[in-house]
Each structure stands twice: as structure tokens, then as C-alpha cells.
Amino acid sequence: MNKKIAVIGGGAAGMMAAGTALEYGADVTIFEHTDRLGKKLAITGKGRCNVTNDCTVTEFLENVTVNPRFLYTALYAFPPERTIEFFEGLGVELKTERGNRVFPTNDKAKTIVDAMRRYSSGATLIYEHVRSVCKNDDGSISVIGKKEYTFDAVIIATGGRSYPLTGSDGSGYNIAKSLGHTVTAIKPSLVPFESKSDLCKRMMGLSLKNVAIRILDKNGQSVYSDFGEMMFTHFGLTGPMILSASAHVKNLHIPDLTVSIDLKPALDEKKLDMRLLSDFKDRANRDLINAMDALLPVKMIEPFISMSGIDPRKKVNVLTKDDRRRLLTLMKDFRIPLTALRPIDEAIITSGGIEVKEINPKTMESRISPGIYFAGEIIDVDAYTGGFNLQIAYSTGFIAGKSAAETY
């Protein structure tokens, strides 16, 4: 008689757990309280879906910001290279971009969602909200939605609290608590920053590429640095570098922090000064505001000059050495004060979740309530942006599905 397994949550971790359990001979039922599987997966990576990060397990763990050791077994059992083979085996063509980020060749997240739906297609789908999970005296486990269903094991893969409209509404935390589990503090991670500086509104929509940032504390000490892309918005800052920075500083007092942007990281101050002199020589009779177009994006020129304190109508040929020094300093250290993280509803992932000490890392089974397994974002693990968090979903989903199907 095949083992009956319930998977609560039809996201990346849930579909991986369900498909794996099916492969190991179980009868699987997926409970999903939205109208379709993979709703959040379909919008990841701005609709392109950053499937995984093509790196070694050691490199991967260096990008996990919370409880990396817990993931050791799962990642070695189902590493990034196996994820790539898995999707290629499902007919998905993949490509690797900067930072070892892996995407479907057609840049459509739907391709990944469809592949995961095919993989888990042998499961029975029940589209309803699970209100509770209860252990029975005979060892079975009841899943209670509109009615009561009985299973041999239950995998909870309900996600976190980010993007609640996609189904990640935090409901799994209450189920886990009712089974005796501890849920650590829930915070947004991989989320934009808010700033009260009017500079952000003035540069709203401007993307910067190939720039470097440092996050400075109230003493001016760097607590995080990165190189890549970012964007100004009406509320503050976003983009890949900013999202990764949020994961690193989420436990700090955000109003004490400032983002310092190096607009020309490839040039030291001496070379940048030579560049300024060369550009200004060619534009000697122009006003300063009309002479910066070779160095800065058009949308940034006016806010930049206003920050420098130099008259924007000052002729380039009468700029003083002190004026040039101010421009140089600003190009290497353009500062935006921070006020807060954006709300958790806007976070890509949730930091916090089921306390990892209460989960067996080799099986993803509860140490408190045997027969209950966890997978994905509901667990208190999270990582930087770049495909790492989806890989965590696949790896923990695989281990949970395999273990639940094999173990009585």
C-alpha cells in the first residue's frame, strides 16, 4: 500500500516535494489556496525566473545569510548542478548570465512554472485553504480544510509572508505553532530601502549600472559593499545590489545607515581628475550643468550639481581646484540616507520562520511532531538574491519529498 502524503503549498518547494514523493512511490495530494500552482514562481526575477546559481555548494553557502549549516545536507543531495540537469531533463533550455545566475533561455518564468507543474502532475490537486493539521492517536495526520482528509505524512511548504497575493500569506506559521513549533521573528529580506531624501524622487526611474555601493553605519564604518546595478524610485532605492544589501543589514537600525555610491569605481581619484580635466577642456565655454553629460546620466546631472554646492551656471573654464575636488568627492561618495525597509508585502523573501533546531536537516522532518516535514521559505533560512533562495526551495523540497515517501 502506497504511503499517502499531503503537501500544503503549491509553490516551488511544494511542487518539488510532491514530484519527488511521487517518484518514490507515494500517493500525493497538493493543497493550494490560490487558483493555480506556482503563482509566486511566475513573477520571480521580474518574470524571467532566476532558476538557480551555477556555483559550488561551498560558494552557495557563503551566500546564505541565515542558518547556512542547516542546508549542508540538502544542498549536497540536490545541488545547483542537479537543478540544472533537472530542468533540462524536463525540456527547459537554460542560460547562465553574470554572477552565475541561471535563467530559462526564453526569459519566461512560465517555462519553469509549466515544467514544475508537469513534474508534480501525478498529484491530486485540492484548491482550498488548510485551516489546521492535527496528529491522530493512530499515527495518522488530519489535514482540515473545507473537510477533513487523512494522511500518513504532511509536508508544509506554504512559503513566508512576502507577496501575500500570490499565496504567501504566512498561514503556515500558525499551523506549525499549533504543532508545537517555534517561529522566529518574521522580517522582510531582499526588499528595497526607503529614503526621505528628495534626491530619490528627483532621479526616480534612473538605473545605474557598474557602480559600487557601501552601506555605512552612523560612525561612517562600512557594514556592506557590492558592485552592480541599482535604481532610484519615488520612495528610495531598489535593484539587485540594494536587495542583497537589505538581507545583510535587516537586523540593524536602518535610520542609522547611509548608502554611499561610487559612480566611477573603475577610476581612482587621480585618473578621475584627469578625466574631468579632459572633459572640461573640450567643454570650456559651457555652463557646468551642460558639461557633465559624458560623465553622468542626464537625469542625475542637476541633483548631482546641487549636492556639490556649485552654481550650475558657473562656466567650466572658471571652476576652481576646490570645485573640482568637490565633484570628484561626490562621484566617489554620493550619499543617500536611509530611513526604513519597505513593507514585507514587497519583499522577495521572508527572513525568519520555523526554528531550524526543531527540524532534522537530513530529512526535513519535525523533531517535535514526527510525520510533519517542512520545505522552502517557511524554514528560517534565507540568502542573497541571485537564484539562491529558489535553489533552497528545490533542495529542501527534494529532501522532504524523498524522506516523507520513504519513512514510516
Protein backbone atom coordinates (compact mmCIF):
# COMPACT_ATOMS: atom_id res chain seq x y z
CA MET A 1 0.00 0.00 0.00
CA ASN A 2 1.45 3.35 -1.06
CA LYS A 3 2.11 5.99 1.54
CA LYS A 4 -0.36 8.90 1.48
CA ILE A 5 1.31 12.30 1.65
CA ALA A 6 -0.16 15.78 1.76
CA VAL A 7 1.83 18.76 0.51
CA ILE A 8 0.46 22.07 1.76
CA GLY A 9 1.50 24.80 -0.64
CA GLY A 10 1.89 24.65 -4.41
CA GLY A 11 4.96 26.82 -4.91
CA ALA A 12 8.48 25.83 -5.98
CA ALA A 13 9.22 23.85 -2.79
CA GLY A 14 5.78 22.25 -2.71
CA MET A 15 5.84 21.12 -6.33
CA MET A 16 9.39 19.77 -5.93
CA ALA A 17 8.38 17.88 -2.78
CA ALA A 18 5.26 16.50 -4.45
CA GLY A 19 7.04 15.39 -7.62
CA THR A 20 9.85 13.75 -5.63
CA ALA A 21 7.41 11.92 -3.35
CA LEU A 22 5.58 10.67 -6.45
CA GLU A 23 8.84 9.34 -7.88
CA TYR A 24 9.42 7.45 -4.64
CA GLY A 25 6.04 5.75 -4.94
CA ALA A 26 3.77 7.80 -2.70
CA ASP A 27 0.20 8.90 -3.33
CA VAL A 28 0.39 12.69 -3.13
CA THR A 29 -2.22 15.41 -2.63
CA ILE A 30 -1.32 19.09 -3.02
CA PHE A 31 -3.38 21.67 -1.14
CA GLU A 32 -3.18 25.14 -2.72
CA HIS A 33 -5.36 28.02 -1.58
CA THR A 34 -4.90 30.24 -4.65
CA ASP A 35 -6.35 29.43 -8.05
CA ARG A 36 -3.21 27.84 -9.52
CA LEU A 37 0.18 26.31 -8.73
CA GLY A 38 3.39 28.33 -8.96
CA LYS A 39 1.81 31.77 -8.69
CA LYS A 40 4.80 33.37 -6.94
CA LEU A 41 7.28 31.44 -9.07
CA ALA A 42 5.72 33.03 -12.15
CA ILE A 43 6.78 36.53 -11.09
CA THR A 44 10.27 35.83 -9.80
CA GLY A 45 13.21 37.52 -11.48
CA LYS A 46 10.87 40.19 -12.91
CA GLY A 47 9.04 37.46 -14.80
CA ARG A 48 12.25 35.82 -16.07
CA CYS A 49 12.79 33.41 -13.13
CA ASN A 50 16.36 33.20 -11.84
CA VAL A 51 16.23 29.40 -11.57
CA THR A 52 19.40 28.85 -9.55
CA ASN A 53 23.01 29.96 -9.21
CA ASP A 54 25.56 27.80 -11.03
CA CYS A 55 28.15 27.60 -8.26
CA THR A 56 29.65 25.03 -5.93
CA VAL A 57 27.94 24.14 -2.67
CA THR A 58 30.73 25.88 -0.75
CA GLU A 59 30.22 29.09 -2.74
CA PHE A 60 26.47 28.72 -2.35
CA LEU A 61 26.64 28.50 1.45
CA GLU A 62 28.69 31.72 1.52
CA ASN A 63 25.60 33.44 0.07
CA VAL A 64 23.20 32.09 2.68
CA THR A 65 22.72 34.80 5.31
CA VAL A 66 20.71 32.83 7.88
CA ASN A 67 21.48 29.28 9.14
CA PRO A 68 23.69 28.10 6.25
CA ARG A 69 24.90 24.99 8.12
CA PHE A 70 21.34 23.67 8.30
CA LEU A 71 21.29 23.42 4.49
CA TYR A 72 24.52 21.45 4.12
CA THR A 73 22.94 18.01 3.62
CA ALA A 74 20.09 19.24 1.42
CA LEU A 75 22.40 21.16 -0.89
CA TYR A 76 24.79 18.26 -1.32
CA ALA A 77 21.83 15.96 -2.04
CA PHE A 78 20.34 18.36 -4.59
CA PRO A 79 22.99 20.95 -5.60
CA PRO A 80 22.68 23.64 -8.27
CA GLU A 81 24.20 21.40 -10.95
CA ARG A 82 21.46 18.84 -10.30
CA THR A 83 18.82 21.59 -10.55
CA ILE A 84 20.17 22.50 -13.98
CA GLU A 85 20.08 18.84 -15.06
CA PHE A 86 16.58 18.51 -13.58
CA PHE A 87 15.10 21.33 -15.66
CA GLU A 88 16.99 20.37 -18.80
CA GLY A 89 15.56 16.87 -18.33
CA LEU A 90 12.11 18.47 -18.32
CA GLY A 91 12.85 20.08 -21.67
CA VAL A 92 13.79 23.56 -20.40
CA GLU A 93 16.70 25.28 -22.15
CA LEU A 94 18.79 27.33 -19.72
CA LYS A 95 21.47 30.02 -19.94
CA THR A 96 23.94 31.42 -17.41
CA GLU A 97 24.38 35.17 -17.01
CA ARG A 98 26.57 37.50 -14.92
CA GLY A 99 27.09 36.32 -11.37
CA ASN A 100 26.38 32.68 -12.39
CA ARG A 101 22.64 33.43 -12.45
CA VAL A 102 20.72 30.79 -14.40
CA PHE A 103 17.61 31.71 -16.42
CA PRO A 104 15.43 29.96 -18.99
CA THR A 105 16.79 30.81 -22.45
CA ASN A 106 13.47 32.36 -23.46
CA ASP A 107 13.45 34.64 -20.35
CA LYS A 108 9.96 33.42 -19.41
CA ALA A 109 9.25 32.27 -15.87
CA LYS A 110 6.17 30.50 -17.23
CA THR A 111 8.51 27.91 -18.77
CA ILE A 112 9.77 26.98 -15.30
CA VAL A 113 6.29 27.00 -13.79
CA ASP A 114 4.98 24.73 -16.54
CA ALA A 115 7.92 22.33 -16.05
CA MET A 116 7.27 22.12 -12.30
CA ARG A 117 3.57 21.56 -12.90
CA ARG A 118 4.41 18.69 -15.26
CA TYR A 119 6.79 17.20 -12.69
CA SER A 120 4.12 17.19 -9.99
CA SER A 121 1.21 16.38 -12.31
CA GLY A 122 0.61 12.95 -10.78
CA ALA A 123 -0.59 14.53 -7.56
CA THR A 124 -4.23 15.15 -6.70
CA LEU A 125 -4.90 18.91 -6.52
CA ILE A 126 -7.24 20.36 -3.93
CA TYR A 127 -7.72 24.11 -4.21
CA GLU A 128 -8.73 25.12 -0.72
CA HIS A 129 -7.33 26.78 2.39
CA VAL A 130 -5.94 24.44 5.06
CA ARG A 131 -7.17 25.64 8.45
CA SER A 132 -5.31 23.15 10.63
CA VAL A 133 -3.22 19.98 10.81
CA CYS A 134 -3.75 17.51 13.66
CA LYS A 135 -1.94 14.37 14.81
CA ASN A 136 -4.25 11.42 15.47
CA ASP A 137 -3.92 8.66 18.09
CA ASP A 138 -3.44 6.00 15.41
CA GLY A 139 -0.40 7.86 14.00
CA SER A 140 -2.23 9.32 11.03
CA ILE A 141 -2.36 13.05 10.39
CA SER A 142 -5.51 15.01 9.59
CA VAL A 143 -5.47 17.98 7.23
CA ILE A 144 -8.56 20.11 7.79
CA GLY A 145 -9.81 22.46 5.10
CA LYS A 146 -13.41 22.53 3.95
CA LYS A 147 -13.48 18.95 5.19
CA GLU A 148 -11.09 16.57 6.92
CA TYR A 149 -8.53 14.48 5.00
CA THR A 150 -6.24 11.84 6.47
CA PHE A 151 -2.60 11.16 5.52
CA ASP A 152 0.49 9.27 6.65
CA ALA A 153 2.74 12.33 6.39
CA VAL A 154 2.36 16.05 5.72
CA ILE A 155 4.87 18.41 4.08
CA ILE A 156 4.31 22.07 4.92
CA ALA A 157 5.62 24.28 2.11
CA THR A 158 3.43 27.35 2.46
CA GLY A 159 6.17 29.95 1.96
CA GLY A 160 6.69 33.07 4.03
CA ARG A 161 4.75 36.31 4.26
CA SER A 162 6.12 38.18 1.25
CA TYR A 163 3.87 38.71 -1.80
CA PRO A 164 0.67 37.62 0.03
CA LEU A 165 -1.44 37.97 -3.14
CA THR A 166 0.50 35.01 -4.57
CA GLY A 167 -0.47 32.84 -1.62
CA SER A 168 2.48 33.50 0.70
CA ASP A 169 0.34 34.91 3.49
CA GLY A 170 2.10 33.36 6.50
CA SER A 171 -0.68 30.88 7.22
CA GLY A 172 1.80 28.03 7.56
CA TYR A 173 3.34 29.64 10.63
CA ASN A 174 0.10 29.20 12.59
CA ILE A 175 -0.14 25.56 11.54
CA ALA A 176 3.43 24.98 12.70
CA LYS A 177 2.82 26.75 16.01
CA SER A 178 -0.24 24.58 16.64
CA LEU A 179 2.02 21.54 16.25
CA GLY A 180 4.41 22.88 18.88
CA HIS A 181 6.95 24.65 16.69
CA THR A 182 8.74 27.92 17.33
CA VAL A 183 8.55 30.62 14.67
CA THR A 184 11.42 33.12 14.79
CA ALA A 185 10.89 36.85 14.19
CA ILE A 186 9.47 37.50 10.72
CA LYS A 187 11.17 40.29 8.76
CA PRO A 188 11.37 41.37 5.13
CA SER A 189 14.52 40.33 3.24
CA LEU A 190 15.58 41.16 -0.30
CA VAL A 191 13.49 44.30 -0.12
CA PRO A 192 14.01 47.92 -1.29
CA PHE A 193 15.08 50.73 1.03
CA GLU A 194 13.08 53.85 1.79
CA SER A 195 14.75 57.27 1.97
CA LYS A 196 13.36 60.69 2.83
CA SER A 197 15.95 62.34 0.59
CA ASP A 198 14.29 64.27 -2.25
CA LEU A 199 17.20 63.18 -4.44
CA CYS A 200 15.49 59.82 -4.97
CA LYS A 201 12.26 61.39 -6.25
CA ARG A 202 14.25 63.74 -8.50
CA MET A 203 16.06 60.75 -10.04
CA MET A 204 13.06 58.38 -9.96
CA GLY A 205 13.35 55.66 -12.60
CA LEU A 206 17.09 56.15 -13.14
CA SER A 207 19.06 52.89 -13.22
CA LEU A 208 22.79 52.86 -12.54
CA LYS A 209 24.95 50.02 -13.84
CA ASN A 210 28.53 49.10 -12.95
CA VAL A 211 28.55 51.21 -9.81
CA ALA A 212 29.78 50.26 -6.34
CA ILE A 213 27.96 50.80 -3.06
CA ARG A 214 28.89 50.77 0.59
CA ILE A 215 26.38 50.75 3.42
CA LEU A 216 27.75 52.99 6.16
CA ASP A 217 26.72 52.96 9.83
CA LYS A 218 26.30 56.09 11.96
CA ASN A 219 30.05 56.14 12.59
CA GLY A 220 30.81 56.06 8.87
CA GLN A 221 32.06 52.47 9.01
CA SER A 222 31.23 50.19 6.07
CA VAL A 223 28.96 47.29 7.01
CA TYR A 224 28.32 46.01 3.47
CA SER A 225 29.70 46.59 -0.02
CA ASP A 226 28.78 45.41 -3.51
CA PHE A 227 29.18 46.14 -7.23
CA GLY A 228 26.49 46.02 -9.88
CA GLU A 229 23.11 47.61 -10.58
CA MET A 230 20.65 49.76 -8.63
CA MET A 231 17.74 52.09 -9.28
CA PHE A 232 16.18 55.22 -7.77
CA THR A 233 12.44 55.17 -7.05
CA HIS A 234 9.90 57.62 -5.66
CA PHE A 235 10.31 56.04 -2.21
CA GLY A 236 14.06 55.36 -2.20
CA LEU A 237 16.33 52.70 -3.70
CA THR A 238 15.93 49.28 -5.28
CA GLY A 239 17.73 46.94 -7.70
CA PRO A 240 19.87 43.79 -7.30
CA MET A 241 22.61 45.36 -5.14
CA ILE A 242 20.10 47.08 -2.88
CA LEU A 243 18.05 43.91 -2.37
CA SER A 244 21.17 41.95 -1.40
CA ALA A 245 22.22 44.75 0.95
CA SER A 246 18.84 44.57 2.71
CA ALA A 247 19.42 40.90 3.53
CA HIS A 248 22.73 41.80 5.15
CA VAL A 249 21.58 44.79 7.23
CA LYS A 250 17.97 43.85 8.06
CA ASN A 251 18.80 43.42 11.75
CA LEU A 252 20.46 46.85 12.04
CA HIS A 253 18.75 50.15 12.86
CA ILE A 254 18.04 51.31 9.30
CA PRO A 255 17.77 55.10 10.07
CA ASP A 256 21.42 54.95 11.21
CA LEU A 257 22.52 53.78 7.76
CA THR A 258 23.59 55.61 4.60
CA VAL A 259 24.24 54.29 1.11
CA SER A 260 27.47 55.61 -0.40
CA ILE A 261 27.58 55.22 -4.20
CA ASP A 262 30.85 55.18 -6.13
CA LEU A 263 29.73 56.31 -9.57
CA LYS A 264 33.12 55.58 -11.16
CA PRO A 265 34.56 52.55 -9.34
CA ALA A 266 36.93 51.72 -12.22
CA LEU A 267 38.78 55.05 -11.78
CA ASP A 268 40.77 56.16 -8.75
CA GLU A 269 40.65 59.85 -7.85
CA LYS A 270 43.79 60.70 -9.80
CA LYS A 271 42.50 59.12 -13.02
CA LEU A 272 39.05 60.57 -12.46
CA ASP A 273 40.57 64.04 -12.04
CA MET A 274 42.39 63.59 -15.36
CA ARG A 275 39.11 62.56 -16.95
CA LEU A 276 37.39 65.66 -15.56
CA LEU A 277 40.15 67.93 -16.84
CA SER A 278 39.94 66.32 -20.29
CA ASP A 279 36.15 66.62 -20.47
CA PHE A 280 36.18 70.19 -19.20
CA LYS A 281 38.88 71.18 -21.68
CA ASP A 282 36.56 70.10 -24.51
CA ARG A 283 33.64 71.98 -22.91
CA ALA A 284 35.50 75.03 -21.59
CA ASN A 285 32.86 77.63 -22.51
CA ARG A 286 29.86 75.66 -21.27
CA ASP A 287 27.94 76.06 -18.03
CA LEU A 288 28.75 73.25 -15.59
CA ILE A 289 25.23 71.82 -15.89
CA ASN A 290 25.79 71.38 -19.63
CA ALA A 291 29.28 69.91 -19.30
CA MET A 292 28.68 66.70 -17.29
CA ASP A 293 26.85 64.64 -19.90
CA ALA A 294 29.87 62.42 -20.66
CA LEU A 295 30.28 61.50 -17.00
CA LEU A 296 26.76 61.23 -15.63
CA PRO A 297 23.29 60.12 -16.80
CA VAL A 298 21.24 63.16 -17.83
CA LYS A 299 18.70 62.63 -15.05
CA MET A 300 21.43 62.73 -12.43
CA ILE A 301 23.27 65.88 -13.50
CA GLU A 302 21.07 68.52 -11.85
CA PRO A 303 20.69 66.69 -8.48
CA PHE A 304 24.42 65.90 -8.52
CA ILE A 305 25.47 69.51 -9.06
CA SER A 306 23.01 70.77 -6.45
CA MET A 307 24.62 68.37 -3.94
CA SER A 308 28.05 69.74 -4.82
CA GLY A 309 27.01 73.26 -3.88
CA ILE A 310 28.50 74.68 -7.07
CA ASP A 311 26.48 77.16 -9.16
CA PRO A 312 25.14 75.07 -12.06
CA ARG A 313 25.58 78.09 -14.36
CA LYS A 314 29.22 78.54 -13.49
CA LYS A 315 31.41 78.35 -16.58
CA VAL A 316 33.65 75.31 -16.74
CA ASN A 317 36.71 77.45 -17.56
CA VAL A 318 36.46 79.28 -14.22
CA LEU A 319 35.98 76.24 -12.00
CA THR A 320 38.47 76.25 -9.14
CA LYS A 321 40.58 73.34 -7.93
CA ASP A 322 38.27 73.22 -4.88
CA ASP A 323 35.23 72.97 -7.19
CA ARG A 324 36.82 70.07 -9.00
CA ARG A 325 37.68 68.40 -5.70
CA ARG A 326 34.02 68.61 -4.63
CA LEU A 327 32.90 67.00 -7.88
CA LEU A 328 35.49 64.24 -7.54
CA THR A 329 34.50 63.52 -3.93
CA LEU A 330 30.83 63.35 -4.86
CA MET A 331 31.46 60.97 -7.75
CA LYS A 332 33.28 58.58 -5.44
CA ASP A 333 30.96 59.07 -2.46
CA PHE A 334 27.40 60.05 -3.48
CA ARG A 335 25.34 59.53 -0.33
CA ILE A 336 21.68 58.70 0.23
CA PRO A 337 20.47 58.46 3.85
CA LEU A 338 18.15 55.53 4.60
CA THR A 339 15.01 55.55 6.74
CA ALA A 340 13.45 52.07 6.59
CA LEU A 341 13.00 48.82 4.71
CA ARG A 342 9.90 48.63 2.52
CA PRO A 343 6.98 46.56 3.93
CA ILE A 344 7.22 42.78 4.00
CA ASP A 345 4.48 42.58 1.34
CA GLU A 346 7.07 43.96 -1.12
CA ALA A 347 9.90 41.67 -0.04
CA ILE A 348 11.09 38.98 -2.41
CA ILE A 349 11.54 36.62 0.53
CA THR A 350 10.76 36.43 4.22
CA SER A 351 13.52 36.24 6.80
CA GLY A 352 12.55 34.15 9.80
CA GLY A 353 10.38 31.07 10.06
CA ILE A 354 10.44 27.64 11.66
CA GLU A 355 13.35 27.35 14.09
CA VAL A 356 15.90 25.08 12.37
CA LYS A 357 16.85 23.33 15.63
CA GLU A 358 13.36 21.82 15.56
CA ILE A 359 13.88 20.26 12.10
CA ASN A 360 16.12 17.32 11.17
CA PRO A 361 18.37 18.75 8.41
CA LYS A 362 18.92 15.28 6.89
CA THR A 363 15.19 14.64 6.32
CA MET A 364 13.37 17.99 6.89
CA GLU A 365 11.17 16.11 9.38
CA SER A 366 9.98 17.83 12.52
CA ARG A 367 11.87 16.82 15.65
CA ILE A 368 8.79 17.85 17.65
CA SER A 369 5.99 16.30 15.62
CA PRO A 370 7.13 13.21 13.62
CA GLY A 371 5.39 12.80 10.28
CA ILE A 372 5.43 16.55 9.67
CA TYR A 373 8.03 17.85 7.20
CA PHE A 374 8.98 21.35 6.09
CA ALA A 375 10.30 22.73 2.80
CA GLY A 376 11.17 26.12 1.37
CA GLU A 377 10.75 29.62 2.68
CA ILE A 378 8.74 28.66 5.76
CA ILE A 379 12.03 27.45 7.30
CA ASP A 380 14.27 30.06 8.97
CA VAL A 381 16.86 30.19 6.17
CA ASP A 382 17.40 32.87 3.56
CA ALA A 383 20.07 34.04 1.16
CA TYR A 384 21.12 36.84 -1.13
CA THR A 385 19.47 37.48 -4.47
CA GLY A 386 20.84 35.56 -7.45
CA GLY A 387 18.91 32.28 -7.60
CA PHE A 388 19.96 31.10 -4.13
CA ASN A 389 16.53 31.18 -2.49
CA LEU A 390 14.84 29.18 -5.25
CA GLN A 391 17.64 26.61 -5.01
CA ILE A 392 16.91 26.32 -1.28
CA ALA A 393 13.29 25.59 -2.19
CA TYR A 394 14.30 22.80 -4.61
CA SER A 395 16.86 21.24 -2.25
CA THR A 396 14.64 21.22 0.84
CA GLY A 397 11.64 20.18 -1.26
CA PHE A 398 13.58 17.24 -2.66
CA ILE A 399 14.76 16.07 0.76
CA ALA A 400 11.30 16.47 2.30
CA GLY A 401 9.55 14.64 -0.54
CA LYS A 402 12.04 11.78 -0.59
CA SER A 403 12.13 11.38 3.20
CA ALA A 404 8.36 11.56 3.63
CA ALA A 405 7.81 8.92 0.95
CA GLU A 406 10.47 6.52 2.25
CA THR A 407 9.95 6.77 6.01
CA TYR A 408 7.18 5.37 8.15
